[in-house]
C-alpha cells in the first residue's frame, strides 16, 4: 500500500510538472505572438507618421507658394 501511495504521489508530481510546463509553453507562445503583433503595429505607426510628415511638407510648400503668388 505504501508503494502505491509513493507511485501515485510521483505520478501526481509528474502530472503537475507536465501541466505547468504545458502552461508555460502556452504563455510563451502567446508572448511570441504578441511581440510580433506589437512589432507589426509599430511598423504601421511609423508608416503613418512618414505619410503625415510628407503631407505636412506638401501643405507647407503649397502655403509658401500661395504666399509668394499673393506678394507678386
Foldseek 3Di string as FASTA:
>chain_A
DVVVVVVVVVVVVVVVVVVVVVVVVVVVVVVVVVVVVVVVVVVVVVVVVVVVVVVVVVVVVVVVVVVVVVVD
